[in-house]
C-alpha atoms as a PDB file:
ATOM      1  CA  MET A   1     186.260 143.411 -78.624  1.00  0.00           C
ATOM      2  CA  GLU A   2     185.678 139.538 -78.569  1.00  0.00           C
ATOM      3  CA  ARG A   3     182.638 138.916 -76.899  1.00  0.00           C
ATOM      4  CA  HIS A   4     182.767 136.083 -74.159  1.00  0.00           C
ATOM      5  CA  ARG A   5     180.956 132.944 -74.907  1.00  0.00           C
ATOM      6  CA  GLU A   6     179.381 130.750 -72.254  1.00  0.00           C
ATOM      7  CA  VAL A   7     180.649 127.209 -72.430  1.00  0.00           C
ATOM      8  CA  VAL A   8     178.772 124.524 -70.977  1.00  0.00           C
ATOM      9  CA  ARG A   9     180.432 121.294 -70.174  1.00  0.00           C
ATOM     10  CA  PRO A  10     178.761 117.994 -70.726  1.00  0.00           C
ATOM     11  CA  GLY A  11     177.670 116.714 -67.664  1.00  0.00           C
ATOM     12  CA  ARG A  12     177.153 119.763 -65.775  1.00  0.00           C
ATOM     13  CA  PRO A  13     173.873 121.760 -65.365  1.00  0.00           C
ATOM     14  CA  ARG A  14     173.539 125.058 -67.386  1.00  0.00           C
ATOM     15  CA  PRO A  15     173.640 128.417 -64.990  1.00  0.00           C
ATOM     16  CA  ALA A  16     170.340 129.547 -63.398  1.00  0.00           C
ATOM     17  CA  GLU A  17     168.668 132.278 -65.334  1.00  0.00           C
ATOM     18  CA  PRO A  18     167.512 135.204 -63.566  1.00  0.00           C
ATOM     19  CA  GLY A  19     164.678 134.413 -61.268  1.00  0.00           C
ATOM     20  CA  GLY A  20     166.108 131.399 -59.958  1.00  0.00           C
ATOM     21  CA  GLN A  21     164.753 128.782 -62.638  1.00  0.00           C
ATOM     22  CA  ARG A  22     167.610 126.594 -64.551  1.00  0.00           C
ATOM     23  CA  VAL A  23     166.946 126.436 -67.918  1.00  0.00           C
ATOM     24  CA  PRO A  24     166.923 122.142 -69.294  1.00  0.00           C
ATOM     25  CA  THR A  25     170.312 121.544 -71.157  1.00  0.00           C
ATOM     26  CA  HIS A  26     169.765 119.844 -74.305  1.00  0.00           C
ATOM     27  CA  ARG A  27     170.558 116.162 -72.075  1.00  0.00           C
ATOM     28  CA  GLU A  28     167.325 116.261 -70.152  1.00  0.00           C
ATOM     29  CA  PRO A  29     164.289 115.163 -72.115  1.00  0.00           C
ATOM     30  CA  ALA A  30     161.180 117.741 -72.678  1.00  0.00           C
ATOM     31  CA  ARG A  31     158.366 116.706 -69.758  1.00  0.00           C
ATOM     32  CA  PRO A  32     155.258 115.995 -72.218  1.00  0.00           C
ATOM     33  CA  ARG A  33     152.772 118.459 -72.554  1.00  0.00           C
ATOM     34  CA  THR A  34     149.115 117.174 -71.390  1.00  0.00           C
ATOM     35  CA  ASP A  35     146.086 118.451 -72.927  1.00  0.00           C
ATOM     36  CA  PRO A  36     143.359 119.322 -70.268  1.00  0.00           C
ATOM     37  CA  ALA A  37     140.688 118.705 -72.771  1.00  0.00           C
ATOM     38  CA  LEU A  38     141.808 115.187 -73.017  1.00  0.00           C
ATOM     39  CA  PRO A  39     140.984 112.496 -69.951  1.00  0.00           C
ATOM     40  CA  PRO A  40     143.930 111.186 -68.028  1.00  0.00           C
ATOM     41  CA  PRO A  41     145.442 108.045 -68.968  1.00  0.00           C
ATOM     42  CA  PRO A  42     144.420 105.006 -67.306  1.00  0.00           C
ATOM     43  CA  SER A  43     146.277 103.907 -63.981  1.00  0.00           C
ATOM     44  CA  PRO A  44     148.234 100.848 -64.410  1.00  0.00           C
ATOM     45  CA  HIS A  45     146.719  99.591 -60.923  1.00  0.00           C
ATOM     46  CA  ALA A  46     143.086 100.556 -62.338  1.00  0.00           C
ATOM     47  CA  ALA A  47     140.598  97.704 -62.650  1.00  0.00           C
ATOM     48  CA  PRO A  48     140.283  96.449 -66.173  1.00  0.00           C
ATOM     49  CA  ARG A  49     136.690  97.108 -67.691  1.00  0.00           C
ATOM     50  CA  SER A  50     133.820  94.215 -67.292  1.00  0.00           C
ATOM     51  CA  THR A  51     133.881  91.953 -70.337  1.00  0.00           C
ATOM     52  CA  ARG A  52     130.557  90.473 -68.626  1.00  0.00           C
ATOM     53  CA  ASN A  53     127.832  89.844 -70.986  1.00  0.00           C
ATOM     54  CA  PRO A  54     125.063  92.818 -71.135  1.00  0.00           C
ATOM     55  CA  ASP A  55     122.558  90.281 -70.620  1.00  0.00           C
ATOM     56  CA  LEU A  56     123.562  89.603 -67.335  1.00  0.00           C
ATOM     57  CA  ARG A  57     124.153  92.911 -66.484  1.00  0.00           C
ATOM     58  CA  HIS A  58     121.583  92.507 -63.470  1.00  0.00           C
ATOM     59  CA  SER A  59     122.508  88.814 -62.309  1.00  0.00           C
ATOM     60  CA  LYS A  60     124.766  87.809 -59.374  1.00  0.00           C
ATOM     61  CA  CYS A  61     127.723  87.056 -61.028  1.00  0.00           C
ATOM     62  CA  ALA A  62     130.635  89.818 -59.791  1.00  0.00           C
ATOM     63  CA  PRO A  63     133.547  87.651 -58.368  1.00  0.00           C
ATOM     64  CA  SER A  64     134.186  89.947 -56.115  1.00  0.00           C
ATOM     65  CA  ALA A  65     131.704  88.713 -53.804  1.00  0.00           C
ATOM     66  CA  PHE A  66     133.631  85.206 -53.738  1.00  0.00           C
ATOM     67  CA  PRO A  67     137.684  86.427 -54.041  1.00  0.00           C
ATOM     68  CA  GLY A  68     138.553  82.837 -54.515  1.00  0.00           C
ATOM     69  CA  VAL A  69     136.764  82.440 -57.550  1.00  0.00           C
ATOM     70  CA  ARG A  70     139.155  83.825 -60.212  1.00  0.00           C
ATOM     71  CA  ALA A  71     137.331  83.739 -63.834  1.00  0.00           C
ATOM     72  CA  PRO A  72     139.498  82.309 -66.842  1.00  0.00           C
ATOM     73  CA  SER A  73     140.759  85.120 -69.024  1.00  0.00           C
ATOM     74  CA  ASN A  74     137.910  83.460 -72.063  1.00  0.00           C
ATOM     75  CA  GLY A  75     135.363  83.138 -69.487  1.00  0.00           C
ATOM     76  CA  TRP A  76     133.850  80.202 -67.610  1.00  0.00           C
ATOM     77  CA  CYS A  77     133.339  76.410 -69.521  1.00  0.00           C
ATOM     78  CA  GLY A  78     131.086  73.441 -68.381  1.00  0.00           C
ATOM     79  CA  SER A  79     134.464  71.508 -68.209  1.00  0.00           C
ATOM     80  CA  SER A  80     135.716  74.026 -65.475  1.00  0.00           C
ATOM     81  CA  LEU A  81     132.719  74.455 -63.464  1.00  0.00           C
ATOM     82  CA  GLY A  82     133.166  72.005 -60.795  1.00  0.00           C
ATOM     83  CA  ALA A  83     136.845  72.519 -60.905  1.00  0.00           C
ATOM     84  CA  SER A  84     137.023  75.048 -57.239  1.00  0.00           C
ATOM     85  CA  SER A  85     135.535  74.377 -54.173  1.00  0.00           C
ATOM     86  CA  ALA A  86     135.325  78.140 -53.632  1.00  0.00           C
ATOM     87  CA  LYS A  87     132.182  78.331 -55.848  1.00  0.00           C
ATOM     88  CA  PRO A  88     129.029  78.480 -53.620  1.00  0.00           C
ATOM     89  CA  PRO A  89     126.080  75.882 -54.063  1.00  0.00           C
ATOM     90  CA  HIS A  90     124.079  76.144 -57.074  1.00  0.00           C
ATOM     91  CA  THR A  91     125.966  78.231 -59.127  1.00  0.00           C
ATOM     92  CA  GLU A  92     124.754  78.563 -62.798  1.00  0.00           C
ATOM     93  CA  LEU A  93     126.519  79.144 -66.191  1.00  0.00           C
ATOM     94  CA  LEU A  94     125.241  81.365 -68.712  1.00  0.00           C
ATOM     95  CA  PHE A  95     127.182  83.024 -71.377  1.00  0.00           C
ATOM     96  CA  GLY A  96     130.266  81.837 -70.041  1.00  0.00           C
ATOM     97  CA  SER A  97     129.303  83.944 -66.556  1.00  0.00           C
ATOM     98  CA  LEU A  98     129.150  82.623 -63.435  1.00  0.00           C
ATOM     99  CA  ILE A  99     125.285  83.343 -61.458  1.00  0.00           C
ATOM    100  CA  PHE A 100     125.350  83.085 -57.675  1.00  0.00           C
ATOM    101  CA  SER A 101     121.905  81.948 -56.268  1.00  0.00           C
ATOM    102  CA  SER A 102     120.851  84.494 -53.905  1.00  0.00           C
ATOM    103  CA  ARG A 103     118.886  83.242 -50.610  1.00  0.00           C
ATOM    104  CA  GLN A 104     115.511  81.425 -51.682  1.00  0.00           C
ATOM    105  CA  THR A 105     112.214  82.834 -50.659  1.00  0.00           C
ATOM    106  CA  MET A 106     109.540  80.375 -49.115  1.00  0.00           C
ATOM    107  CA  PHE A 107     107.397  80.715 -52.231  1.00  0.00           C
ATOM    108  CA  HIS A 108     110.011  79.656 -53.834  1.00  0.00           C
ATOM    109  CA  SER A 109     110.933  76.447 -51.996  1.00  0.00           C
ATOM    110  CA  ARG A 110     107.248  75.331 -51.209  1.00  0.00           C
ATOM    111  CA  THR A 111     106.163  75.713 -55.189  1.00  0.00           C
ATOM    112  CA  ILE A 112     109.140  73.563 -56.015  1.00  0.00           C
ATOM    113  CA  SER A 113     108.867  70.865 -53.361  1.00  0.00           C
ATOM    114  CA  THR A 114     104.742  70.898 -54.706  1.00  0.00           C
ATOM    115  CA  LEU A 115     105.307  70.204 -57.721  1.00  0.00           C
ATOM    116  CA  GLU A 116     108.307  67.724 -57.260  1.00  0.00           C
ATOM    117  CA  ARG A 117     105.611  65.497 -55.266  1.00  0.00           C
ATOM    118  CA  GLN A 118     103.012  65.589 -57.783  1.00  0.00           C
ATOM    119  CA  LEU A 119     105.184  65.221 -60.755  1.00  0.00           C
ATOM    120  CA  GLU A 120     106.851  62.122 -59.258  1.00  0.00           C
ATOM    121  CA  ASP A 121     103.647  60.723 -58.351  1.00  0.00           C
ATOM    122  CA  GLN A 122     101.703  61.164 -61.666  1.00  0.00           C
ATOM    123  CA  ALA A 123     105.027  60.985 -63.769  1.00  0.00           C
ATOM    124  CA  PRO A 124     104.773  57.622 -66.269  1.00  0.00           C
ATOM    125  CA  GLU A 125     107.641  54.520 -65.968  1.00  0.00           C
ATOM    126  CA  GLY A 126     110.866  55.645 -67.455  1.00  0.00           C
ATOM    127  CA  TRP A 127     110.286  59.132 -66.661  1.00  0.00           C
ATOM    128  CA  GLU A 128     112.288  60.914 -63.477  1.00  0.00           C
ATOM    129  CA  VAL A 129     111.845  64.184 -61.431  1.00  0.00           C
ATOM    130  CA  TRP A 130     114.896  66.081 -60.627  1.00  0.00           C
ATOM    131  CA  GLY A 131     115.212  69.225 -58.916  1.00  0.00           C
ATOM    132  CA  ARG A 132     118.130  72.050 -58.908  1.00  0.00           C
ATOM    133  CA  MET A 133     120.304  69.782 -60.999  1.00  0.00           C
ATOM    134  CA  GLY A 134     122.914  71.207 -63.618  1.00  0.00           C
ATOM    135  CA  LEU A 135     121.289  71.266 -67.232  1.00  0.00           C
ATOM    136  CA  LYS A 136     124.442  71.195 -69.804  1.00  0.00           C
ATOM    137  CA  LEU A 137     123.142  72.921 -72.850  1.00  0.00           C
ATOM    138  CA  ASP A 138     126.618  73.670 -74.360  1.00  0.00           C
ATOM    139  CA  ALA A 139     130.092  74.493 -73.323  1.00  0.00           C
ATOM    140  CA  ARG A 140     129.299  77.778 -71.917  1.00  0.00           C
ATOM    141  CA  ASN A 141     125.782  77.318 -70.497  1.00  0.00           C
ATOM    142  CA  ARG A 142     125.159  75.084 -67.693  1.00  0.00           C
ATOM    143  CA  PRO A 143     121.933  76.759 -65.834  1.00  0.00           C
ATOM    144  CA  GLU A 144     120.174  75.050 -62.983  1.00  0.00           C
ATOM    145  CA  PRO A 145     116.532  74.608 -63.658  1.00  0.00           C
ATOM    146  CA  ASP A 146     114.158  74.539 -60.499  1.00  0.00           C
ATOM    147  CA  VAL A 147     112.638  71.446 -61.641  1.00  0.00           C
ATOM    148  CA  MET A 148     113.104  69.166 -64.306  1.00  0.00           C
ATOM    149  CA  VAL A 149     111.624  65.382 -65.909  1.00  0.00           C
ATOM    150  CA  VAL A 150     114.422  63.812 -67.298  1.00  0.00           C
ATOM    151  CA  ASP A 151     114.528  60.185 -69.049  1.00  0.00           C
ATOM    152  CA  ALA A 152     115.157  57.602 -66.584  1.00  0.00           C
ATOM    153  CA  ARG A 153     118.058  56.555 -68.753  1.00  0.00           C
ATOM    154  CA  ALA A 154     120.146  59.670 -68.254  1.00  0.00           C
ATOM    155  CA  ASP A 155     120.856  58.585 -64.367  1.00  0.00           C
ATOM    156  CA  THR A 156     124.814  57.653 -64.307  1.00  0.00           C
ATOM    157  CA  GLY A 157     125.048  57.234 -60.628  1.00  0.00           C
ATOM    158  CA  PRO A 158     124.831  58.841 -57.315  1.00  0.00           C
ATOM    159  CA  ASP A 159     127.664  61.439 -58.177  1.00  0.00           C
ATOM    160  CA  GLN A 160     126.236  63.198 -61.259  1.00  0.00           C
ATOM    161  CA  THR A 161     125.801  66.730 -61.199  1.00  0.00           C
ATOM    162  CA  PHE A 162     123.950  67.295 -63.994  1.00  0.00           C
ATOM    163  CA  CYS A 163     122.321  65.966 -67.438  1.00  0.00           C
ATOM    164  CA  LEU A 164     121.815  66.581 -71.127  1.00  0.00           C
ATOM    165  CA  ALA A 165     119.394  68.420 -72.869  1.00  0.00           C
ATOM    166  CA  GLN A 166     118.527  65.659 -74.769  1.00  0.00           C
ATOM    167  CA  ASP A 167     117.487  63.636 -71.696  1.00  0.00           C
ATOM    168  CA  VAL A 168     114.990  66.267 -70.766  1.00  0.00           C
ATOM    169  CA  LEU A 169     111.164  66.616 -71.278  1.00  0.00           C
ATOM    170  CA  LEU A 170     110.151  69.415 -69.413  1.00  0.00           C
ATOM    171  CA  VAL A 171     111.878  72.281 -67.752  1.00  0.00           C
ATOM    172  CA  VAL A 172     110.505  74.589 -64.935  1.00  0.00           C
ATOM    173  CA  GLU A 173     111.464  77.806 -63.526  1.00  0.00           C
ATOM    174  CA  VAL A 174     109.634  79.269 -60.438  1.00  0.00           C
ATOM    175  CA  VAL A 175     110.235  83.273 -60.844  1.00  0.00           C
ATOM    176  CA  GLU A 176     111.849  85.220 -57.638  1.00  0.00           C
ATOM    177  CA  GLU A 177     112.377  88.660 -58.102  1.00  0.00           C
ATOM    178  CA  GLU A 178     116.311  88.563 -58.544  1.00  0.00           C
ATOM    179  CA  SER A 179     115.688  85.656 -61.158  1.00  0.00           C
ATOM    180  CA  ALA A 180     113.070  87.373 -63.022  1.00  0.00           C
ATOM    181  CA  GLU A 181     114.551  88.250 -65.981  1.00  0.00           C
ATOM    182  CA  ARG A 182     116.818  85.213 -66.635  1.00  0.00           C
ATOM    183  CA  ASP A 183     113.664  82.905 -65.778  1.00  0.00           C
ATOM    184  CA  ARG A 184     111.305  85.021 -68.353  1.00  0.00           C
ATOM    185  CA  GLU A 185     113.733  85.705 -71.278  1.00  0.00           C
ATOM    186  CA  LEU A 186     117.074  84.358 -70.842  1.00  0.00           C
ATOM    187  CA  LYS A 187     116.722  80.772 -69.830  1.00  0.00           C
ATOM    188  CA  PRO A 188     113.684  80.160 -72.054  1.00  0.00           C
ATOM    189  CA  ARG A 189     115.524  81.001 -75.173  1.00  0.00           C
ATOM    190  CA  LYS A 190     118.610  78.432 -74.483  1.00  0.00           C
ATOM    191  CA  TYR A 191     116.112  75.496 -73.595  1.00  0.00           C
ATOM    192  CA  ALA A 192     114.655  76.532 -77.083  1.00  0.00           C
ATOM    193  CA  ASN A 193     117.645  76.572 -78.972  1.00  0.00           C
ATOM    194  CA  ALA A 194     118.684  73.244 -77.144  1.00  0.00           C
ATOM    195  CA  GLY A 195     115.537  71.542 -78.228  1.00  0.00           C
ATOM    196  CA  ILE A 196     113.817  70.483 -75.128  1.00  0.00           C
ATOM    197  CA  ARG A 197     110.196  70.128 -75.643  1.00  0.00           C
ATOM    198  CA  TYR A 198     108.451  71.661 -73.005  1.00  0.00           C
ATOM    199  CA  PHE A 199     108.642  74.526 -70.663  1.00  0.00           C
ATOM    200  CA  TRP A 200     106.823  75.998 -67.578  1.00  0.00           C
ATOM    201  CA  ARG A 201     107.105  78.997 -66.182  1.00  0.00           C
ATOM    202  CA  VAL A 202     105.525  79.784 -62.182  1.00  0.00           C
ATOM    203  CA  GLU A 203     104.774  83.370 -61.227  1.00  0.00           C
ATOM    204  CA  TYR A 204     102.830  84.665 -58.255  1.00  0.00           C
ATOM    205  CA  GLU A 205     100.270  86.530 -59.182  1.00  0.00           C
ATOM    206  CA  GLN A 206      97.153  88.435 -57.822  1.00  0.00           C
ATOM    207  CA  ASP A 207      97.787  86.931 -54.948  1.00  0.00           C
ATOM    208  CA  ARG A 208      97.595  83.180 -56.120  1.00  0.00           C
ATOM    209  CA  PRO A 209     100.569  81.174 -58.234  1.00  0.00           C
ATOM    210  CA  VAL A 210     100.072  81.005 -61.997  1.00  0.00           C
ATOM    211  CA  VAL A 211     101.722  78.546 -64.231  1.00  0.00           C
ATOM    212  CA  HIS A 212     102.428  79.428 -67.900  1.00  0.00           C
ATOM    213  CA  THR A 213     103.023  76.601 -69.878  1.00  0.00           C
ATOM    214  CA  TYR A 214     104.896  76.659 -73.485  1.00  0.00           C
ATOM    215  CA  GLU A 215     105.219  74.097 -75.910  1.00  0.00           C
ATOM    216  CA  LEU A 216     108.225  73.867 -78.384  1.00  0.00           C
ATOM    217  CA  ASP A 217     107.550  75.115 -82.127  1.00  0.00           C
ATOM    218  CA  LEU A 218     109.865  72.516 -83.913  1.00  0.00           C
ATOM    219  CA  ALA A 219     109.727  75.007 -87.317  1.00  0.00           C
ATOM    220  CA  SER A 220     110.525  78.156 -85.581  1.00  0.00           C
ATOM    221  CA  SER A 221     112.452  76.847 -82.772  1.00  0.00           C
ATOM    222  CA  ASP A 222     110.621  79.280 -80.224  1.00  0.00           C
ATOM    223  CA  TYR A 223     108.424  78.207 -76.998  1.00  0.00           C
ATOM    224  CA  VAL A 224     104.345  78.768 -78.016  1.00  0.00           C
ATOM    225  CA  PRO A 225     102.336  79.705 -75.360  1.00  0.00           C
ATOM    226  CA  THR A 226      99.657  76.815 -74.310  1.00  0.00           C
ATOM    227  CA  GLY A 227      98.103  77.886 -71.704  1.00  0.00           C
ATOM    228  CA  VAL A 228      97.932  80.023 -68.174  1.00  0.00           C
ATOM    229  CA  PHE A 229      96.598  77.561 -65.266  1.00  0.00           C
ATOM    230  CA  PRO A 230      96.103  79.568 -61.955  1.00  0.00           C
ATOM    231  CA  ASP A 231      96.076  77.357 -58.956  1.00  0.00           C
ATOM    232  CA  ARG A 232      95.472  73.966 -60.737  1.00  0.00           C
ATOM    233  CA  LEU A 233      97.081  72.907 -63.618  1.00  0.00           C
ATOM    234  CA  VAL A 234      95.180  69.957 -65.577  1.00  0.00           C
ATOM    235  CA  THR A 235      96.999  69.101 -69.134  1.00  0.00           C
ATOM    236  CA  ARG A 236      97.991  66.311 -71.175  1.00  0.00           C
ATOM    237  CA  GLN A 237     101.271  67.506 -72.214  1.00  0.00           C
ATOM    238  CA  PRO A 238     104.188  66.208 -71.852  1.00  0.00           C
ATOM    239  CA  PHE A 239     101.458  63.591 -70.266  1.00  0.00           C
ATOM    240  CA  PRO A 240      98.198  63.485 -68.329  1.00  0.00           C
ATOM    241  CA  LEU A 241      98.495  65.875 -65.077  1.00  0.00           C
ATOM    242  CA  ASP A 242      96.703  67.408 -62.590  1.00  0.00           C
ATOM    243  CA  LEU A 243      98.642  69.382 -60.369  1.00  0.00           C
ATOM    244  CA  THR A 244      97.356  71.827 -57.407  1.00  0.00           C
ATOM    245  CA  LEU A 245      99.956  74.412 -55.857  1.00  0.00           C
ATOM    246  CA  THR A 246      97.793  74.072 -53.043  1.00  0.00           C
ATOM    247  CA  ARG A 247      99.813  72.000 -50.233  1.00  0.00           C
ATOM    248  CA  PRO A 248      96.964  69.483 -49.525  1.00  0.00           C
ATOM    249  CA  ASP A 249      99.405  68.803 -46.021  1.00  0.00           C
ATOM    250  CA  ARG A 250      98.580  72.262 -44.595  1.00  0.00           C
ATOM    251  CA  GLY A 251      95.433  73.369 -46.482  1.00  0.00           C
ATOM    252  CA  ARG A 252      96.870  76.228 -47.655  1.00  0.00           C
ATOM    253  CA  GLU A 253      98.010  78.090 -50.671  1.00  0.00           C
ATOM    254  CA  VAL A 254     102.026  78.718 -51.480  1.00  0.00           C
ATOM    255  CA  SER A 255     102.940  81.947 -49.980  1.00  0.00           C
ATOM    256  CA  ALA A 256     103.693  85.211 -51.857  1.00  0.00           C
ATOM    257  CA  PRO A 257     107.499  85.992 -52.185  1.00  0.00           C
ATOM    258  CA  GLY A 258     108.623  88.254 -48.780  1.00  0.00           C
ATOM    259  CA  THR A 259     105.008  87.600 -47.031  1.00  0.00           C
ATOM    260  CA  PRO A 260     104.817  86.422 -43.505  1.00  0.00           C
ATOM    261  CA  GLU A 261     102.742  83.692 -42.758  1.00  0.00           C
END
C-alpha cells in the first residue's frame, strides 16, 4: 500500500501541528537565538559613549546644558570657538572640550579686582594687566586666566578676544571649588608647556587669602615653587611688587567663598 506523502506548495504555509503551533517552512528565516549571558545589543537610538578627556570629568563641559552648542566630531579648536553665539560668556577650551564657567563667588570677584588694580598701578611701562581674556596655547587649548600681565604690544584693538602665550609674563588663577582641579593641576601644566615664565595661584586658607608663587624651570619645563604669601605679597619677580589682598577702600579682607558678610 502506497503511503500518502504531504505536499507543501510554494507560498503556502505548512499545516499546523497538533497543539496549534505552526512549523516554519524552509522559506521562512529562522529567528536568531539570544544568549541570556550576553548583554543586549545597543539600541540605535542610544546616546553615544562620551569621548571626553578623563582629565575633565569633573568640569562643566556637558553640552546638554546648552542645546544650541553642537560639538564637532573631532572636538573643538580655537578657530571655531567664537563661531557660535550659543556659547555662554567666559567659555574656555581645554583638550578640545568646552568648559562653561559657573557663577562667580564674592571671594573670586574681589580677589581678581584687587589684584588687577594693584598690578596696574605697579607694572612697569610696556606691560598691561588683562582680566578674564582668552589665552591661546595651541589649536585645542584656549583657557581664560583670571588675571594676566601681557606685553602691551600684543594689544591689537578693541575687538581682540585673546592673546598668545609668547606675549604673557604672568598668569594668575584664583581657585574656587568648581575650578580647583583645573587651577591646581591642569592649567599650570599647560601654562608651563607653553613657556609662560610666572604663575600665581590664590587660595583661601585658614580664613585668609594666600598667594602661591611659581617660576618656570627652563630645564624641566615645570613650575618651581618660589613662595607662599598670606594676606600680602612682596616680591621682585616678575618685577618689584608689594600687593595686599585687603581692600583699602573698605578696610577688610576678601571674604571666603560662600561666607556672608
